[in-house]
Protein backbone atom coordinates (compact mmCIF):
# COMPACT_ATOMS: atom_id res chain seq x y z
CA MET A 1 -52.09 9.55 3.09
CA MET A 2 -49.51 11.88 4.60
CA LEU A 3 -49.43 9.86 7.83
CA ARG A 4 -48.81 6.65 5.85
CA ALA A 5 -45.95 8.32 3.94
CA LEU A 6 -44.48 9.61 7.21
CA ALA A 7 -44.64 6.11 8.72
CA VAL A 8 -42.79 4.67 5.71
CA LEU A 9 -40.08 7.34 6.03
CA LEU A 10 -39.68 6.59 9.74
CA VAL A 11 -39.30 2.87 9.06
CA LEU A 12 -36.75 3.51 6.33
CA GLY A 13 -34.83 5.88 8.54
CA ALA A 14 -34.74 3.40 11.41
CA CYS A 15 -33.40 0.46 9.42
CA ASP A 16 -29.93 -0.19 8.12
CA CYS A 17 -31.37 -1.23 4.77
CA GLY A 18 -28.99 -2.94 2.43
CA ARG A 19 -25.81 -2.20 4.35
CA LYS A 20 -23.64 -5.28 4.65
CA SER A 21 -21.66 -6.03 7.78
CA ASP A 22 -17.87 -6.04 7.69
CA GLU A 23 -17.99 -9.81 8.14
CA GLU A 24 -20.17 -10.22 5.05
CA ILE A 25 -17.93 -7.97 2.97
CA LEU A 26 -14.85 -9.86 4.17
CA ALA A 27 -16.34 -13.22 3.17
CA GLU A 28 -17.12 -11.89 -0.30
CA ARG A 29 -13.62 -10.43 -0.76
CA ILE A 30 -12.01 -13.73 0.22
CA ASP A 31 -14.09 -15.84 -2.15
CA SER A 32 -12.06 -14.66 -5.15
CA THR A 33 -9.70 -15.91 -7.83
CA PRO A 34 -6.47 -14.87 -6.04
CA VAL A 35 -7.47 -16.84 -2.93
CA HIS A 36 -8.64 -19.84 -4.95
CA VAL A 37 -5.28 -19.93 -6.76
CA TYR A 38 -3.38 -19.35 -3.51
CA LEU A 39 -5.17 -22.27 -1.91
CA ALA A 40 -4.41 -24.35 -4.99
CA ALA A 41 -0.71 -23.68 -4.34
CA LYS A 42 -1.13 -24.77 -0.72
CA ILE A 43 -2.90 -27.93 -1.80
CA ALA A 44 -0.14 -28.70 -4.31
CA LEU A 45 2.53 -28.46 -1.62
CA THR A 46 0.81 -30.08 1.35
CA LYS A 47 -1.82 -32.55 0.18
CA GLY A 48 -0.68 -36.14 -0.33
CA GLY A 49 -2.30 -38.85 -2.40
CA ASP A 50 -2.09 -39.81 -6.04
CA ASP A 51 -4.69 -37.48 -7.57
CA PRO A 52 -3.15 -36.79 -11.03
CA GLU A 53 -4.16 -33.13 -10.93
CA ILE A 54 -2.44 -32.54 -7.58
CA VAL A 55 0.59 -34.66 -8.49
CA GLU A 56 1.19 -32.62 -11.65
CA ALA A 57 0.72 -29.28 -9.88
CA ARG A 58 3.08 -30.41 -7.13
CA ARG A 59 5.71 -31.39 -9.70
CA VAL A 60 5.51 -28.03 -11.51
CA PHE A 61 5.46 -26.06 -8.28
CA SER A 62 8.43 -27.91 -6.80
CA ALA A 63 10.39 -27.37 -10.01
CA ALA A 64 9.62 -23.65 -9.87
CA MET A 65 10.57 -23.34 -6.19
CA THR A 66 13.88 -25.13 -6.76
CA SER A 67 14.79 -23.27 -9.95
CA PRO A 68 18.06 -21.27 -9.80
CA HIS A 69 16.10 -18.01 -9.87
CA VAL A 70 14.35 -18.80 -6.60
CA LEU A 71 16.62 -21.22 -4.79
CA GLY A 72 19.75 -19.10 -5.28
CA ALA A 73 18.25 -16.16 -3.44
CA LEU A 74 16.41 -18.41 -0.98
CA VAL A 75 19.30 -20.58 0.19
CA ARG A 76 22.44 -18.56 -0.50
CA GLY A 77 20.93 -15.17 0.23
CA GLU A 78 21.85 -13.72 -3.14
CA GLY A 79 20.07 -10.74 -4.63
CA ASP A 80 16.76 -9.18 -3.71
CA ALA A 81 13.34 -10.80 -3.81
CA PRO A 82 13.64 -13.97 -5.90
CA ALA A 83 11.84 -14.04 -9.20
CA LEU A 84 10.79 -16.79 -11.56
CA SER A 85 11.99 -17.03 -15.13
CA PRO A 86 9.24 -16.37 -17.70
CA SER A 87 9.03 -20.09 -18.55
CA ASP A 88 8.78 -21.07 -14.85
CA ALA A 89 6.09 -18.43 -14.25
CA LEU A 90 4.09 -19.60 -17.27
CA ALA A 91 4.27 -23.26 -16.22
CA LEU A 92 3.26 -22.40 -12.68
CA THR A 93 0.38 -20.21 -13.85
CA ARG A 94 -0.95 -23.01 -16.04
CA ALA A 95 -0.72 -25.53 -13.20
CA LEU A 96 -2.47 -23.28 -10.70
CA VAL A 97 -5.18 -22.18 -13.13
CA GLY A 98 -5.89 -25.86 -13.68
CA MET A 99 -6.18 -26.35 -9.91
CA LYS A 100 -8.23 -23.19 -9.24
CA GLY A 101 -11.37 -25.30 -8.84
CA LEU A 102 -9.75 -27.32 -6.06
CA GLY A 103 -8.93 -24.15 -4.14
CA GLN A 104 -12.42 -22.78 -4.68
CA ARG A 105 -14.09 -25.97 -3.44
CA ALA A 106 -11.79 -26.18 -0.41
CA LEU A 107 -12.75 -22.62 0.55
CA ARG A 108 -16.48 -22.91 -0.03
CA GLU A 109 -16.77 -26.29 1.68
CA GLY A 110 -14.73 -25.13 4.67
CA LYS A 111 -11.99 -27.69 4.05
CA ASP A 112 -9.14 -25.19 3.65
CA ASP A 113 -8.34 -25.40 7.36
CA GLU A 114 -7.89 -29.16 7.06
CA LEU A 115 -4.70 -28.64 5.05
CA GLU A 116 -1.41 -29.36 6.78
CA PRO A 117 0.75 -26.33 7.73
CA LEU A 118 2.64 -25.06 4.69
CA LEU A 119 5.66 -23.32 6.25
CA PRO A 120 7.42 -26.52 7.37
CA ALA A 121 7.07 -27.89 3.83
CA LEU A 122 8.51 -24.72 2.32
CA LEU A 123 11.39 -24.58 4.80
CA GLY A 124 12.24 -28.19 4.06
CA LEU A 125 12.21 -27.45 0.33
CA ALA A 126 14.59 -24.53 0.87
CA GLY A 127 16.98 -26.52 3.07
CA HIS A 128 15.85 -24.96 6.38
CA GLY A 129 13.91 -27.98 7.63
CA ASP A 130 14.78 -27.43 11.31
CA ALA A 131 14.15 -23.68 11.33
CA LEU A 132 10.54 -23.78 12.48
CA PRO A 133 9.56 -26.95 14.37
CA GLY A 134 6.14 -27.65 15.84
CA VAL A 135 4.01 -25.27 13.76
CA ASP A 136 0.28 -25.90 14.04
CA ARG A 137 -2.35 -24.69 11.56
CA ASN A 138 -3.21 -21.52 13.49
CA THR A 139 0.45 -20.53 13.89
CA ASP A 140 0.97 -21.30 10.19
CA HIS A 141 -1.83 -18.85 9.28
CA ALA A 142 -0.40 -16.22 11.64
CA LEU A 143 3.15 -16.51 10.29
CA PHE A 144 1.92 -16.48 6.71
CA PHE A 145 -0.15 -13.39 7.40
CA LEU A 146 2.79 -11.57 9.01
CA GLY A 147 5.27 -12.75 6.39
CA LEU A 148 3.02 -11.82 3.48
CA TRP A 149 2.28 -8.45 5.06
CA VAL A 150 5.97 -7.62 5.49
CA ALA A 151 6.73 -8.88 1.97
CA LYS A 152 4.07 -6.55 0.60
CA VAL A 153 5.12 -3.38 2.41
CA HIS A 154 8.88 -3.85 2.99
CA PRO A 155 10.74 -1.33 0.76
CA LYS A 156 13.61 -3.71 -0.06
CA VAL A 157 11.50 -6.71 -1.02
CA PRO A 158 8.13 -5.41 -2.26
CA THR A 159 6.00 -8.27 -3.55
CA PRO A 160 2.65 -7.86 -5.33
CA ILE A 161 0.55 -9.74 -2.79
CA PRO A 162 -3.18 -9.43 -3.58
CA GLN A 163 -5.16 -7.86 -0.75
CA GLU A 164 -7.58 -10.79 -0.91
CA VAL A 165 -4.79 -13.20 0.07
CA LEU A 166 -3.79 -11.03 3.02
CA LEU A 167 -7.41 -10.85 4.10
CA TYR A 168 -7.70 -14.63 3.82
CA GLU A 169 -4.73 -15.36 6.11
CA ALA A 170 -5.81 -12.60 8.49
CA SER A 171 -9.32 -14.01 8.80
CA ARG A 172 -8.05 -17.54 9.41
CA THR A 173 -5.82 -16.56 12.35
CA ASP A 174 -7.18 -16.87 15.88
CA ALA A 175 -5.04 -14.36 17.78
CA ALA A 176 -6.35 -15.54 21.15
CA ALA A 177 -5.25 -19.16 20.62
CA LEU A 178 -1.74 -18.83 19.23
CA ALA A 179 0.87 -21.34 20.36
CA TRP A 180 3.32 -18.41 20.54
CA PRO A 181 1.57 -15.64 22.52
CA ALA A 182 4.17 -13.11 21.38
CA LEU A 183 2.66 -13.31 17.88
CA ALA A 184 -0.69 -11.93 19.08
CA PRO A 185 0.30 -8.21 19.23
CA PRO A 186 1.69 -7.99 15.68
CA VAL A 187 -1.17 -10.10 14.32
CA LEU A 188 -3.81 -7.86 15.91
CA SER A 189 -2.03 -4.66 14.93
CA LEU A 190 -1.26 -5.50 11.32
CA ARG A 191 -4.62 -7.19 10.87
CA ALA A 192 -6.29 -3.98 12.06
CA TYR A 193 -4.19 -2.12 9.50
CA THR A 194 -5.14 -4.63 6.77
CA TYR A 195 -8.83 -4.43 7.62
CA ALA A 196 -8.68 -0.64 7.79
CA THR A 197 -7.02 -0.30 4.39
CA ASN A 198 -9.81 -2.47 2.98
CA GLU A 199 -12.52 -0.25 4.52
CA LEU A 200 -13.49 -2.83 7.14
CA CYS A 201 -13.43 -0.24 9.91
CA ASP A 202 -15.45 -2.12 12.52
CA LEU A 203 -13.20 -5.18 12.27
CA ALA A 204 -10.16 -2.90 12.48
CA ARG A 205 -11.48 -1.24 15.64
CA ARG A 206 -12.24 -4.66 17.16
CA ASP A 207 -8.62 -5.76 16.73
CA ALA A 208 -7.23 -2.43 17.94
CA THR A 209 -9.37 -2.70 21.07
CA ALA A 210 -8.34 -6.32 21.64
CA LEU A 211 -4.68 -5.35 21.28
CA GLY A 212 -5.04 -2.61 23.89
CA ALA A 213 -6.58 -5.10 26.31
CA LEU A 214 -3.68 -7.60 26.10
CA GLN A 215 -1.57 -7.79 29.23
CA GLY A 216 2.24 -8.06 29.34
CA ARG A 217 2.69 -7.23 25.68
CA ALA A 218 6.12 -5.58 25.88
CA VAL A 219 7.67 -8.42 27.88
CA ALA A 220 6.33 -11.05 25.47
CA LEU A 221 7.55 -9.06 22.47
CA GLN A 222 11.18 -9.31 23.59
CA GLY A 223 11.18 -12.89 22.29
CA LEU A 224 9.00 -12.25 19.25
CA PHE A 225 11.57 -13.13 16.58
CA THR A 226 13.58 -15.84 18.36
CA PRO A 227 11.32 -18.76 17.27
CA VAL A 228 11.91 -17.80 13.62
CA GLY A 229 15.67 -17.36 13.90
CA GLY A 230 15.76 -13.66 14.79
CA SER A 231 17.43 -11.81 17.65
CA ALA A 232 15.73 -10.96 20.94
CA LEU A 233 14.58 -7.37 21.43
CA ASP A 234 15.93 -5.41 24.36
CA ALA A 235 13.40 -4.08 26.87
CA GLU A 236 13.45 -0.51 25.53
CA SER A 237 12.96 -1.59 21.92
CA ALA A 238 10.17 -3.95 22.97
CA VAL A 239 8.25 -1.04 24.52
CA VAL A 240 8.62 0.99 21.33
CA VAL A 241 7.50 -1.96 19.20
CA ASP A 242 4.54 -2.57 21.52
CA GLU A 243 3.26 1.00 21.49
CA GLY A 244 4.16 1.31 17.81
CA LEU A 245 1.94 -1.64 16.98
CA LEU A 246 -0.88 -0.12 19.03
CA SER A 247 -0.32 3.22 17.27
CA ILE A 248 -0.56 1.60 13.83
CA ALA A 249 -3.79 -0.17 14.76
CA HIS A 250 -5.52 2.98 16.04
CA ALA A 251 -4.15 5.37 13.39
CA SER A 252 -5.18 3.15 10.48
CA THR A 253 -8.61 2.67 12.08
CA ALA A 254 -8.96 6.46 12.23
CA VAL A 255 -8.10 6.75 8.52
CA CYS A 256 -10.76 4.14 7.76
CA TYR A 257 -13.53 5.82 9.73
CA TYR A 258 -12.71 9.26 8.34
CA GLY A 259 -12.84 7.79 4.85
CA ARG A 260 -16.34 6.48 5.61
CA GLY A 261 -17.43 9.85 6.94
CA GLU A 262 -17.80 8.55 10.51
CA ARG A 263 -15.95 11.41 12.12
CA GLU A 264 -16.65 10.70 15.78
CA GLN A 265 -15.25 7.17 15.56
CA GLY A 266 -12.26 8.54 13.66
CA ASP A 267 -11.59 11.13 16.36
CA GLU A 268 -11.78 8.47 19.04
CA ALA A 269 -9.26 6.23 17.26
CA LEU A 270 -6.93 9.17 16.58
CA GLY A 271 -7.03 10.04 20.27
CA HIS A 272 -5.94 6.50 21.15
CA PHE A 273 -3.11 6.85 18.65
CA VAL A 274 -1.84 10.02 20.34
CA ASP A 275 -1.75 8.31 23.74
CA ALA A 276 0.13 5.28 22.41
CA ALA A 277 2.54 7.40 20.37
CA ALA A 278 3.39 9.48 23.44
CA ARG A 279 4.15 6.31 25.43
CA MET A 280 6.24 5.13 22.48
CA GLY A 281 8.49 8.16 22.98
CA THR A 282 7.38 10.30 20.06
CA PRO A 283 8.53 13.90 20.71
CA PRO A 284 5.64 16.10 21.91
CA GLU A 285 6.22 18.61 19.11
CA ASP A 286 5.76 15.84 16.51
CA LEU A 287 2.34 15.02 17.94
CA ALA A 288 1.32 18.64 18.53
CA LEU A 289 -0.37 19.16 15.17
CA VAL A 290 -2.57 16.08 15.67
CA ARG A 291 -3.35 17.24 19.21
CA ALA A 292 -4.24 20.67 17.81
CA TYR A 293 -6.69 19.04 15.42
CA LEU A 294 -8.32 17.01 18.21
CA ALA A 295 -8.51 20.09 20.45
CA TYR A 296 -10.15 22.03 17.63
CA ARG A 297 -12.64 19.20 17.11
CA ARG A 298 -13.74 19.34 20.75
CA GLY A 299 -13.96 23.15 20.63
CA ASP A 300 -10.94 23.92 22.83
CA LEU A 301 -9.40 26.73 20.78
CA ALA A 302 -6.97 27.71 23.56
CA ASP A 303 -5.45 24.22 23.59
CA ALA A 304 -5.44 24.16 19.79
CA ARG A 305 -3.47 27.43 19.81
CA ALA A 306 -0.94 26.07 22.31
CA MET A 307 -0.46 22.88 20.28
CA LEU A 308 0.00 24.80 17.02
CA THR A 309 2.68 26.93 18.65
CA LEU A 310 4.46 23.79 19.87
CA ALA A 311 4.14 22.13 16.44
CA LYS A 312 6.26 24.86 14.87
CA SER A 313 9.33 23.48 16.65
CA SER A 314 8.97 20.01 15.07
CA SER A 315 11.67 18.99 12.60
CA ARG A 316 9.00 17.24 10.55
CA TRP A 317 7.81 20.56 9.10
CA ASP A 318 9.66 22.81 6.67
CA GLU A 319 9.51 26.61 6.56
CA ARG A 320 6.55 26.66 4.19
CA GLU A 321 4.51 24.51 6.56
CA ARG A 322 5.56 26.62 9.55
CA ARG A 323 4.25 29.70 7.74
CA ARG A 324 0.94 27.90 7.27
CA ILE A 325 0.83 27.20 11.00
CA ASP A 326 1.44 30.91 11.65
CA GLU A 327 -1.52 31.72 9.40
CA LEU A 328 -3.65 29.32 11.41
CA LEU A 329 -2.65 30.99 14.64
CA THR A 330 -3.74 34.32 13.17
CA HIS A 331 -7.14 32.87 12.32
CA LEU A 332 -7.40 31.35 15.79
CA ASP A 333 -6.80 34.75 17.38
CA ARG A 334 -9.90 35.92 15.51
CA ASP A 335 -11.77 32.67 16.16
CA ASP A 336 -12.04 32.33 12.38
CA THR A 337 -12.83 28.63 12.37
CA GLY A 338 -13.65 28.48 8.67
CA ALA A 339 -9.96 28.64 7.81
CA LEU A 340 -9.29 25.92 10.37
CA ASP A 341 -11.90 23.68 8.77
CA ARG A 342 -10.05 23.99 5.48
CA PHE A 343 -6.62 23.31 7.01
CA PHE A 344 -7.48 20.48 9.36
CA ASP A 345 -7.79 17.73 6.80
CA LYS A 346 -8.80 14.74 8.92
CA VAL A 347 -7.44 12.17 6.48
CA PHE A 348 -4.08 13.94 6.37
CA PHE A 349 -3.70 13.83 10.13
CA ALA A 350 -4.70 10.19 10.33
CA SER A 351 -2.27 9.28 7.52
CA PHE A 352 0.44 11.30 9.24
CA ALA A 353 -0.25 9.31 12.40
CA VAL A 354 0.35 6.03 10.55
CA LYS A 355 3.67 7.36 9.24
CA VAL A 356 4.80 8.37 12.74
CA ALA A 357 4.10 4.86 14.01
CA PHE A 358 5.92 3.15 11.14
CA ASP A 359 8.93 5.48 11.49
CA ALA A 360 9.26 4.54 15.15
CA LEU A 361 9.08 0.82 14.37
CA GLU A 362 11.70 1.18 11.65
CA LYS A 363 14.13 2.80 14.09
CA THR A 364 13.99 -0.22 16.39
CA GLY A 365 15.38 -2.40 13.60
CA ALA A 366 12.59 -4.95 14.06
CA PRO A 367 11.42 -5.00 10.41
CA ALA A 368 15.01 -5.40 9.18
CA ALA A 369 15.64 -8.17 11.72
CA ILE A 370 12.67 -10.25 10.60
CA ALA A 371 13.55 -9.73 6.92
CA GLU A 372 16.92 -11.46 7.42
CA THR A 373 15.58 -14.68 9.00
CA PRO A 374 15.40 -17.99 7.09
CA PHE A 375 11.65 -17.93 7.72
CA PHE A 376 11.18 -14.62 5.95
CA ARG A 377 13.56 -15.43 3.10
CA THR A 378 11.62 -18.62 2.46
CA MET A 379 8.34 -16.69 2.66
CA SER A 380 9.76 -14.16 0.21
CA GLY A 381 10.72 -16.96 -2.16
CA PHE A 382 7.25 -18.44 -1.97
CA THR A 383 5.49 -15.10 -2.55
CA GLY A 384 7.89 -14.27 -5.37
CA ALA A 385 7.14 -17.63 -6.95
CA ILE A 386 3.36 -17.36 -6.79
CA GLY A 387 2.95 -13.58 -7.10
CA ASP A 388 3.19 -13.54 -10.88
CA ALA A 389 1.31 -16.83 -11.09
CA ILE A 390 -1.64 -15.44 -9.13
CA GLY A 391 -1.62 -12.31 -11.27
CA GLY A 392 -1.46 -14.39 -14.42
CA ALA A 393 -4.22 -16.68 -13.22
CA ARG A 394 -6.46 -13.75 -12.35
CA ALA A 395 -5.85 -12.22 -15.80
CA ARG A 396 -6.72 -15.53 -17.49
CA VAL A 397 -9.88 -15.97 -15.44
CA ASP A 398 -10.93 -12.36 -16.07
CA GLU A 399 -10.28 -12.79 -19.78
CA ALA A 400 -12.35 -15.97 -19.85
CA ALA A 401 -15.16 -14.19 -17.99
CA ARG A 402 -15.07 -11.35 -20.54
CA ASP A 403 -15.27 -13.91 -23.35
CA VAL A 404 -18.32 -15.48 -21.71
CA ASP A 405 -19.93 -12.04 -21.26
CA GLU A 406 -19.29 -11.13 -24.88
CA ALA A 407 -20.71 -14.45 -26.03
CA ALA A 408 -23.76 -13.90 -23.82
CA ARG A 409 -24.22 -10.40 -25.25
CA GLY A 410 -23.99 -11.86 -28.75
CA VAL A 411 -26.69 -14.40 -27.93
CA GLY A 412 -28.76 -11.62 -26.41
CA GLU A 413 -28.46 -9.48 -29.54
CA LYS A 414 -29.57 -12.40 -31.70
CA ALA A 415 -32.49 -13.17 -29.41
CA ARG A 416 -33.55 -9.52 -29.38
CA GLY A 417 -33.40 -9.42 -33.19
CA LEU A 418 -35.51 -12.55 -33.44
CA TRP A 419 -38.07 -11.13 -31.01
CA GLU A 420 -38.30 -7.94 -33.03
CA LYS A 421 -38.96 -9.98 -36.17
CA VAL A 422 -41.67 -11.95 -34.38
CA ARG A 423 -43.29 -8.70 -33.30
CA GLY A 424 -42.96 -7.41 -36.85
CA GLU A 425 -40.77 -4.43 -35.92
């Protein structure tokens, strides 16, 4: 009996029972109301024919996109992120909710990639018809992913983009087959970040590794923004952007793995971040605290001590934090590693690493440059137009689902009562 029980335990311990792969989790996250509604918007703007449902959605959507609230900011560059009037948002929400089934079917039947590229249609609607010629479907997905990502995180034009929509565009982009090779580094980097922030660590590491293996990245990045109306990067800025993108990919992957309790993989990714950040030109004292953590993790207390001493000279830390570093050095002199365990918060260091990478990118002016292009302004108009509509559609669908659940519970209560009567209880 004991041998049989031991055999069962060994089998259970050897299997990965019930754990879904990142790919399976990604597919489930994408098959959601925000993506269905988002695809409905794409269908409304790109699909021809005389289907009454599509014709009506196209009419409402076009009216919303050309309303003064959107078009004024989109064409004349007035104000911040364009916003719909309440009546426009309501009309658009109703149209897209009505088309949600079309988006759902397109996704589940694999027909979403048969849609024509959307960006040329949007640019034509906004009066920038010649701004982005020759965009194929893959490039359209890549530009939408990058544009939506910037719109979501850019401090001047934050837009409530659902994570599911970002994941959708990320998953539909083939970074190895882009018509513009210069798009591959930012796609791989920011996709790694997107996967990592959605706890898809293995997919994040795959993209970070693929990014590191690309050849000639910095040279290609000099012309990154020129196809979308931006300025060329000088050679020095291109190097910073290149290593900054690699830093973001590895640092966010480290955060993800630490969050999952997979410390060795997190340490490995954080080590790659340190190397890229050093090549990016990050001052050694700014990286010293992370290096101290990694040295401590591999048991090199002498190196950890040296890095902590160097970290005290960083302008990133105030006097209170410098006093904490002094306390650590005291514990290191006594080899009191318990105090170090409490101080070296792995998630803090990984999050700090992401901030270092983003700060370096910001200083190059690259994010600001892309935000001023007609491409991005049009993307901002589109996301501003559908952001509230997607949120409204999700709320309506969730409310309907709750109504169905409540009705089902009511039926269940009645059935249970009837069964109790039958049993004579």
